[in-house]
Amino acid sequence: MSVLLLLHPTVVTDEALVSQSKQQIHGRYPNASITQHIIERVANNSVGLPAEHYDLISYVNPNENHLGIPTTVMTKLFQALKPDGELIGDLPLDQDLDVLMSGFLIQQPGKWLKPAPVAASAVLLKKKTPSGEPRRKPLFKKAAASAAPQAAAAEEGEAEEDSGMKRKLQATKLAYFSDVSSNEEEDESDFIDEDDLIADAERLNNYNIVVPKKCELPSGKKRRKACKDCTCGLKEAEESEDTNTRTLQDSILGKMAQLATTEAIKIEERLKNSKVQFTEEELAEIDFTVEGKTGGCGSCALGDAFRCDGCPYLGLPPFKPGEAITLAGMDEDI
């Protein structure tokens, strides 16, 4: 029994794992001759595998996150196995379609089988006539004592067959014409006479037609609103009028909103282009501390904690009466 031990490149450095795999194979198959190859060399065609040579291929790959096998390698392993040969080991679980396309059968997780070819058997078909119907077996009659009675019997049989065919043809013709006549009668019954319609119209004139009353008050004036069970059409007229009014209002509001939006955009553009600037005289010096003048409370120079609500010195630091106050850097803030 020939066995191929197929190793992942990371297993080569682990001699203990390789020897353990070989011992497991010898434990199951004592007379097995083991051939060892790396799967990478098989994929690169560095190593050629003989066709239908191995009874078993064992694949060792300790990397659980990288168990994938290329489809080309699957095909090579399939060709290297004998019929009914098995491929076992650390096989991928997410390549079932590739496995089936390569020719394997998945018996269980970690075990693939190469099925043996089945001999094709020919299926005999029944002979058919040119019309497609199967041929019937010929009918044989017993031989008569003399040839003359046999010929007479044959002529009688042919005459009976001809008469039977004639009866069948007559029956089919009668059935066909009876169906046609019945269909014509049904079609004729579908037509409606115009005179009947005129008679129905004249008959309707004799009936009293009820005209719905108008929604009017006893005084003769029209109602402002339609009744709950209005039948004169006033309710529909009011609904159409309300619909027209709402449509007009919506269009007016839409135009107003559009105009307001365009006007706001124009104002924003105008403000972006214009800048507020002060002259040097306006920014050079602001003097609120003229000597001899004090606020009503007399404590403006002490600071904001002592100033009134409308004090002109709010926000300024404490100062001495008569001291000039300059606001430097006010241009940058503005």
Protein backbone atom coordinates (compact mmCIF):
# COMPACT_ATOMS: atom_id res chain seq x y z
CA MET A 1 0.00 0.00 0.00
CA SER A 2 1.49 3.34 -1.07
CA VAL A 3 0.83 6.40 1.09
CA LEU A 4 1.73 10.03 0.38
CA LEU A 5 2.48 12.19 3.43
CA LEU A 6 1.82 15.76 2.31
CA LEU A 7 3.28 18.40 4.66
CA HIS A 8 2.69 22.11 5.07
CA PRO A 9 5.94 24.21 4.91
CA THR A 10 5.63 25.09 8.62
CA VAL A 11 5.69 21.39 9.61
CA VAL A 12 9.18 20.74 8.20
CA THR A 13 10.87 22.34 11.21
CA ASP A 14 8.80 20.24 13.67
CA GLU A 15 10.40 16.77 13.43
CA ALA A 16 8.32 15.44 16.31
CA LEU A 17 5.05 16.15 14.49
CA VAL A 18 6.34 14.53 11.28
CA SER A 19 7.46 11.37 13.08
CA GLN A 20 4.16 11.22 14.98
CA SER A 21 2.21 11.40 11.70
CA LYS A 22 4.29 8.57 10.23
CA GLN A 23 3.74 6.42 13.34
CA GLN A 24 -0.03 6.93 13.07
CA ILE A 25 0.02 5.80 9.42
CA HIS A 26 2.14 2.70 10.27
CA GLY A 27 -0.22 1.92 13.14
CA ARG A 28 -3.20 1.81 10.77
CA TYR A 29 -1.37 0.33 7.76
CA PRO A 30 1.71 -1.70 8.88
CA ASN A 31 2.78 -2.61 5.33
CA ALA A 32 2.46 0.93 3.95
CA SER A 33 5.32 2.53 2.01
CA ILE A 34 5.31 6.25 2.83
CA THR A 35 6.42 8.98 0.43
CA GLN A 36 6.94 12.46 1.90
CA HIS A 37 6.49 15.74 -0.01
CA ILE A 38 5.81 19.41 0.76
CA ILE A 39 2.58 20.80 -0.68
CA GLU A 40 4.33 23.96 -1.86
CA ARG A 41 6.60 21.94 -4.18
CA VAL A 42 3.59 20.10 -5.57
CA ALA A 43 1.85 23.41 -6.26
CA ASN A 44 4.96 24.84 -8.01
CA ASN A 45 5.36 21.69 -10.15
CA SER A 46 8.78 21.14 -8.56
CA VAL A 47 7.63 17.62 -7.70
CA GLY A 48 5.53 15.51 -10.06
CA LEU A 49 3.04 13.01 -8.65
CA PRO A 50 2.44 9.80 -10.64
CA ALA A 51 -1.10 9.24 -11.85
CA GLU A 52 -3.28 6.77 -9.89
CA HIS A 53 -0.36 5.64 -7.71
CA TYR A 54 -1.33 6.33 -4.07
CA ASP A 55 -3.98 4.52 -2.05
CA LEU A 56 -3.97 7.19 0.67
CA ILE A 57 -2.84 10.82 0.96
CA SER A 58 -2.47 12.32 4.44
CA TYR A 59 -2.21 16.11 4.70
CA VAL A 60 -0.63 17.63 7.84
CA ASN A 61 -1.23 21.35 8.51
CA PRO A 62 -1.24 22.61 12.12
CA ASN A 63 -2.33 26.14 11.05
CA GLU A 64 -6.08 26.11 11.76
CA ASN A 65 -6.61 29.59 10.26
CA HIS A 66 -4.87 28.72 6.96
CA LEU A 67 -6.24 25.35 5.82
CA GLY A 68 -7.10 26.39 2.26
CA ILE A 69 -5.89 24.26 -0.67
CA PRO A 70 -5.71 25.68 -4.22
CA THR A 71 -7.99 24.04 -6.78
CA THR A 72 -5.01 23.18 -8.99
CA VAL A 73 -3.47 21.20 -6.14
CA MET A 74 -6.80 19.45 -5.52
CA THR A 75 -6.87 18.32 -9.15
CA LYS A 76 -3.29 16.99 -8.93
CA LEU A 77 -4.05 15.06 -5.75
CA PHE A 78 -7.22 13.65 -7.34
CA GLN A 79 -5.21 12.42 -10.32
CA ALA A 80 -2.51 10.92 -8.07
CA LEU A 81 -5.01 8.79 -6.10
CA LYS A 82 -6.17 5.37 -7.16
CA PRO A 83 -9.93 4.72 -7.57
CA ASP A 84 -11.57 4.51 -4.13
CA GLY A 85 -8.49 6.27 -2.71
CA GLU A 86 -8.83 8.67 0.22
CA LEU A 87 -7.44 12.09 1.09
CA ILE A 88 -7.43 12.63 4.87
CA GLY A 89 -5.93 15.05 7.37
CA ASP A 90 -6.22 18.77 8.05
CA LEU A 91 -8.55 19.62 5.16
CA PRO A 92 -10.49 22.91 4.69
CA LEU A 93 -14.17 23.05 5.63
CA ASP A 94 -15.16 26.06 3.49
CA GLN A 95 -14.21 24.73 0.02
CA ASP A 96 -16.95 22.14 -0.54
CA LEU A 97 -17.77 23.44 -4.02
CA ASP A 98 -14.11 23.32 -5.12
CA VAL A 99 -13.81 19.81 -3.70
CA LEU A 100 -16.83 18.56 -5.66
CA MET A 101 -15.67 20.31 -8.84
CA SER A 102 -12.30 18.54 -8.52
CA GLY A 103 -14.07 15.15 -8.48
CA PHE A 104 -13.91 14.22 -4.78
CA LEU A 105 -16.79 13.07 -2.61
CA ILE A 106 -16.92 14.49 0.93
CA GLN A 107 -17.55 11.53 3.22
CA GLN A 108 -17.02 13.48 6.46
CA PRO A 109 -15.03 16.52 7.66
CA GLY A 110 -11.36 15.78 7.00
CA LYS A 111 -11.98 12.83 4.66
CA TRP A 112 -12.41 13.00 0.85
CA LEU A 113 -12.94 10.01 -1.42
CA LYS A 114 -12.07 9.51 -5.08
CA PRO A 115 -14.99 7.47 -6.46
CA ALA A 116 -14.32 4.53 -8.75
CA PRO A 117 -15.57 4.94 -12.33
CA VAL A 118 -18.86 3.19 -13.12
CA ALA A 119 -19.18 1.26 -16.38
CA ALA A 120 -21.75 2.82 -18.67
CA SER A 121 -24.66 0.52 -19.60
CA ALA A 122 -26.59 0.94 -22.84
CA VAL A 123 -30.36 1.35 -22.57
CA LEU A 124 -32.33 -0.11 -25.46
CA LEU A 125 -35.17 2.05 -26.71
CA LYS A 126 -38.39 0.77 -28.16
CA LYS A 127 -38.74 1.03 -31.88
CA LYS A 128 -41.19 3.69 -32.96
CA THR A 129 -43.03 4.38 -36.17
CA PRO A 130 -42.30 7.53 -38.19
CA SER A 131 -45.38 9.11 -36.54
CA GLY A 132 -43.82 8.62 -33.09
CA GLU A 133 -46.16 5.81 -31.85
CA PRO A 134 -44.61 2.53 -30.63
CA ARG A 135 -44.94 -0.42 -32.98
CA ARG A 136 -47.44 -3.13 -32.11
CA LYS A 137 -46.78 -6.80 -32.29
CA PRO A 138 -48.11 -8.50 -35.44
CA LEU A 139 -51.29 -10.57 -35.14
CA PHE A 140 -51.21 -14.12 -36.48
CA LYS A 141 -54.18 -16.33 -37.33
CA LYS A 142 -54.35 -20.07 -37.27
CA ALA A 143 -53.76 -21.75 -40.61
CA ALA A 144 -56.92 -23.08 -42.26
CA ALA A 145 -57.34 -26.47 -43.90
CA SER A 146 -57.15 -25.05 -47.41
CA ALA A 147 -55.83 -21.86 -48.97
CA ALA A 148 -59.19 -20.76 -50.41
CA PRO A 149 -61.00 -20.39 -47.04
CA GLN A 150 -57.97 -18.55 -45.65
CA ALA A 151 -58.14 -16.00 -48.49
CA ALA A 152 -61.89 -15.58 -47.96
CA ALA A 153 -61.37 -15.02 -44.23
CA ALA A 154 -58.70 -12.42 -44.98
CA GLU A 155 -61.03 -10.59 -47.34
CA GLU A 156 -63.82 -10.66 -44.71
CA GLY A 157 -61.40 -9.26 -42.11
CA GLU A 158 -60.34 -6.43 -44.39
CA ALA A 159 -64.00 -5.63 -45.16
CA GLU A 160 -64.81 -5.52 -41.43
CA GLU A 161 -61.85 -3.21 -40.79
CA ASP A 162 -62.94 -0.89 -43.63
CA SER A 163 -66.51 -0.76 -42.31
CA GLY A 164 -65.21 -0.06 -38.79
CA MET A 165 -63.04 2.79 -40.06
CA LYS A 166 -66.00 4.25 -41.94
CA ARG A 167 -68.15 4.12 -38.79
CA LYS A 168 -65.40 5.88 -36.81
CA LEU A 169 -65.08 8.59 -39.46
CA GLN A 170 -68.83 9.12 -39.56
CA ALA A 171 -68.97 9.31 -35.76
CA THR A 172 -66.16 11.87 -35.62
CA LYS A 173 -67.76 13.95 -38.39
CA LEU A 174 -71.12 13.89 -36.64
CA ALA A 175 -69.51 14.86 -33.34
CA TYR A 176 -67.61 17.71 -35.02
CA PHE A 177 -70.66 19.12 -36.79
CA SER A 178 -72.80 18.74 -33.67
CA ASP A 179 -70.20 20.72 -31.68
CA VAL A 180 -70.08 23.40 -34.38
CA SER A 181 -73.86 23.70 -34.47
CA SER A 182 -74.06 23.93 -30.66
CA ASN A 183 -71.37 26.63 -30.64
CA GLU A 184 -73.24 28.57 -33.32
CA GLU A 185 -76.43 28.36 -31.25
CA GLU A 186 -74.55 29.65 -28.20
CA ASP A 187 -73.06 32.50 -30.25
CA GLU A 188 -76.47 33.41 -31.62
CA SER A 189 -77.88 33.46 -28.09
CA ASP A 190 -75.19 36.00 -27.11
CA PHE A 191 -76.53 38.64 -29.54
CA ILE A 192 -79.04 41.24 -28.24
CA ASP A 193 -81.87 42.52 -30.38
CA GLU A 194 -81.89 46.32 -30.80
CA ASP A 195 -85.69 46.44 -30.61
CA ASP A 196 -85.53 45.02 -27.10
CA LEU A 197 -83.33 47.93 -26.04
CA ILE A 198 -85.80 50.47 -27.45
CA ALA A 199 -88.64 48.74 -25.63
CA ASP A 200 -86.69 48.91 -22.37
CA ALA A 201 -86.10 52.65 -22.87
CA GLU A 202 -89.81 53.26 -23.44
CA ARG A 203 -90.58 51.24 -20.34
CA LEU A 204 -88.27 53.47 -18.27
CA ASN A 205 -90.29 56.55 -19.20
CA ASN A 206 -93.20 55.15 -17.23
CA TYR A 207 -91.19 55.13 -14.01
CA ASN A 208 -91.04 58.19 -11.72
CA ILE A 209 -87.44 59.40 -11.53
CA VAL A 210 -86.55 60.84 -8.11
CA VAL A 211 -84.60 64.09 -8.41
CA PRO A 212 -82.54 65.00 -5.30
CA LYS A 213 -83.68 68.12 -3.50
CA LYS A 214 -81.48 71.17 -3.40
CA CYS A 215 -79.98 72.30 -0.10
CA GLU A 216 -82.27 75.27 0.37
CA LEU A 217 -83.79 76.78 3.46
CA PRO A 218 -87.59 77.13 3.79
CA SER A 219 -87.19 80.85 3.02
CA GLY A 220 -85.67 79.99 -0.36
CA LYS A 221 -82.12 81.09 0.48
CA LYS A 222 -79.17 78.81 -0.13
CA ARG A 223 -77.42 77.19 2.78
CA ARG A 224 -73.95 78.42 3.72
CA LYS A 225 -72.74 74.88 4.24
CA ALA A 226 -73.87 71.60 2.76
CA CYS A 227 -75.93 69.17 4.77
CA LYS A 228 -74.40 66.10 6.36
CA ASP A 229 -76.07 63.81 3.81
CA CYS A 230 -75.92 66.24 0.89
CA THR A 231 -77.06 64.82 -2.44
CA CYS A 232 -77.45 67.98 -4.55
CA GLY A 233 -73.73 68.43 -5.24
CA LEU A 234 -73.14 71.38 -2.89
CA LYS A 235 -70.74 69.36 -0.76
CA GLU A 236 -68.57 68.48 -3.77
CA ALA A 237 -68.59 72.13 -4.91
CA GLU A 238 -67.43 73.29 -1.46
CA GLU A 239 -64.67 70.68 -1.39
CA SER A 240 -63.40 71.73 -4.81
CA GLU A 241 -63.48 75.39 -3.75
CA ASP A 242 -61.51 74.60 -0.58
CA THR A 243 -58.97 72.65 -2.62
CA ASN A 244 -58.50 75.54 -5.04
CA THR A 245 -58.10 78.00 -2.13
CA ARG A 246 -55.46 75.82 -0.44
CA THR A 247 -53.57 75.41 -3.69
CA LEU A 248 -53.55 79.18 -4.22
CA GLN A 249 -52.38 79.82 -0.64
CA ASP A 250 -49.61 77.23 -0.95
CA SER A 251 -48.37 78.82 -4.16
CA ILE A 252 -48.39 82.33 -2.59
CA LEU A 253 -46.55 81.13 0.53
CA GLY A 254 -44.00 79.33 -1.62
CA LYS A 255 -43.30 82.46 -3.65
CA MET A 256 -43.01 84.57 -0.46
CA ALA A 257 -40.56 82.10 1.07
CA GLN A 258 -38.51 82.09 -2.13
CA LEU A 259 -38.40 85.91 -2.21
CA ALA A 260 -37.41 86.06 1.48
CA THR A 261 -34.61 83.58 0.88
CA THR A 262 -33.21 85.52 -2.07
CA GLU A 263 -33.42 88.80 -0.11
CA ALA A 264 -31.60 87.26 2.87
CA ILE A 265 -28.85 86.01 0.56
CA LYS A 266 -28.45 89.49 -0.93
CA ILE A 267 -28.21 91.08 2.56
CA GLU A 268 -25.56 88.56 3.63
CA GLU A 269 -23.49 89.27 0.53
CA ARG A 270 -23.82 93.01 1.11
CA LEU A 271 -22.66 92.68 4.75
CA LYS A 272 -19.71 90.52 3.73
CA ASN A 273 -18.45 93.14 1.31
CA SER A 274 -18.89 96.13 3.69
CA LYS A 275 -16.70 96.65 6.77
CA VAL A 276 -17.32 98.93 9.78
CA GLN A 277 -14.33 101.21 10.26
CA PHE A 278 -13.63 103.99 12.77
CA THR A 279 -11.39 106.99 12.23
CA GLU A 280 -8.18 107.45 14.17
CA GLU A 281 -9.70 110.34 16.14
CA GLU A 282 -12.61 108.11 17.23
CA LEU A 283 -10.29 105.34 18.38
CA ALA A 284 -7.38 107.44 19.68
CA GLU A 285 -8.78 108.53 23.02
CA ILE A 286 -12.01 108.24 24.94
CA ASP A 287 -11.97 110.39 28.04
CA PHE A 288 -14.76 109.94 30.52
CA THR A 289 -12.81 111.42 33.44
CA VAL A 290 -12.99 115.15 33.00
CA GLU A 291 -11.69 116.80 36.15
CA GLY A 292 -14.37 118.13 38.39
CA LYS A 293 -17.10 115.81 37.02
CA THR A 294 -18.21 112.69 38.88
CA GLY A 295 -21.16 110.36 38.60
CA GLY A 296 -24.29 110.57 40.65
CA CYS A 297 -22.96 108.01 43.08
CA GLY A 298 -19.47 109.52 43.21
CA SER A 299 -17.79 106.08 43.03
CA CYS A 300 -17.24 105.60 39.26
CA ALA A 301 -13.44 105.54 39.62
CA LEU A 302 -13.48 102.64 42.10
CA GLY A 303 -14.43 99.93 39.57
CA ASP A 304 -17.45 98.03 38.21
CA ALA A 305 -18.40 96.77 41.65
CA PHE A 306 -19.17 100.33 42.75
CA ARG A 307 -20.74 101.65 39.47
CA CYS A 308 -24.40 102.11 38.70
CA ASP A 309 -26.33 100.14 36.08
CA GLY A 310 -26.17 102.91 33.46
CA CYS A 311 -22.67 104.13 34.30
CA PRO A 312 -20.64 105.11 31.18
CA TYR A 313 -17.48 103.67 32.81
CA LEU A 314 -18.78 100.04 32.93
CA GLY A 315 -16.09 97.64 31.75
CA LEU A 316 -13.21 100.06 32.42
CA PRO A 317 -10.59 99.40 35.08
CA PRO A 318 -10.44 101.59 38.20
CA PHE A 319 -8.82 104.99 37.54
CA LYS A 320 -8.01 108.27 39.19
CA PRO A 321 -10.26 111.27 38.55
CA GLY A 322 -8.79 113.38 35.71
CA GLU A 323 -6.79 110.48 34.22
CA ALA A 324 -7.08 110.03 30.42
CA ILE A 325 -8.15 106.52 29.32
CA THR A 326 -7.17 105.17 25.90
CA LEU A 327 -8.60 102.01 24.34
CA ALA A 328 -5.77 100.38 22.37
CA GLY A 329 -6.57 97.41 20.13
CA MET A 330 -10.24 98.27 19.78
CA ASP A 331 -9.88 98.28 15.98
CA GLU A 332 -8.89 94.59 16.00
CA ASP A 333 -11.90 93.61 18.11
CA ILE A 334 -14.28 95.47 15.82
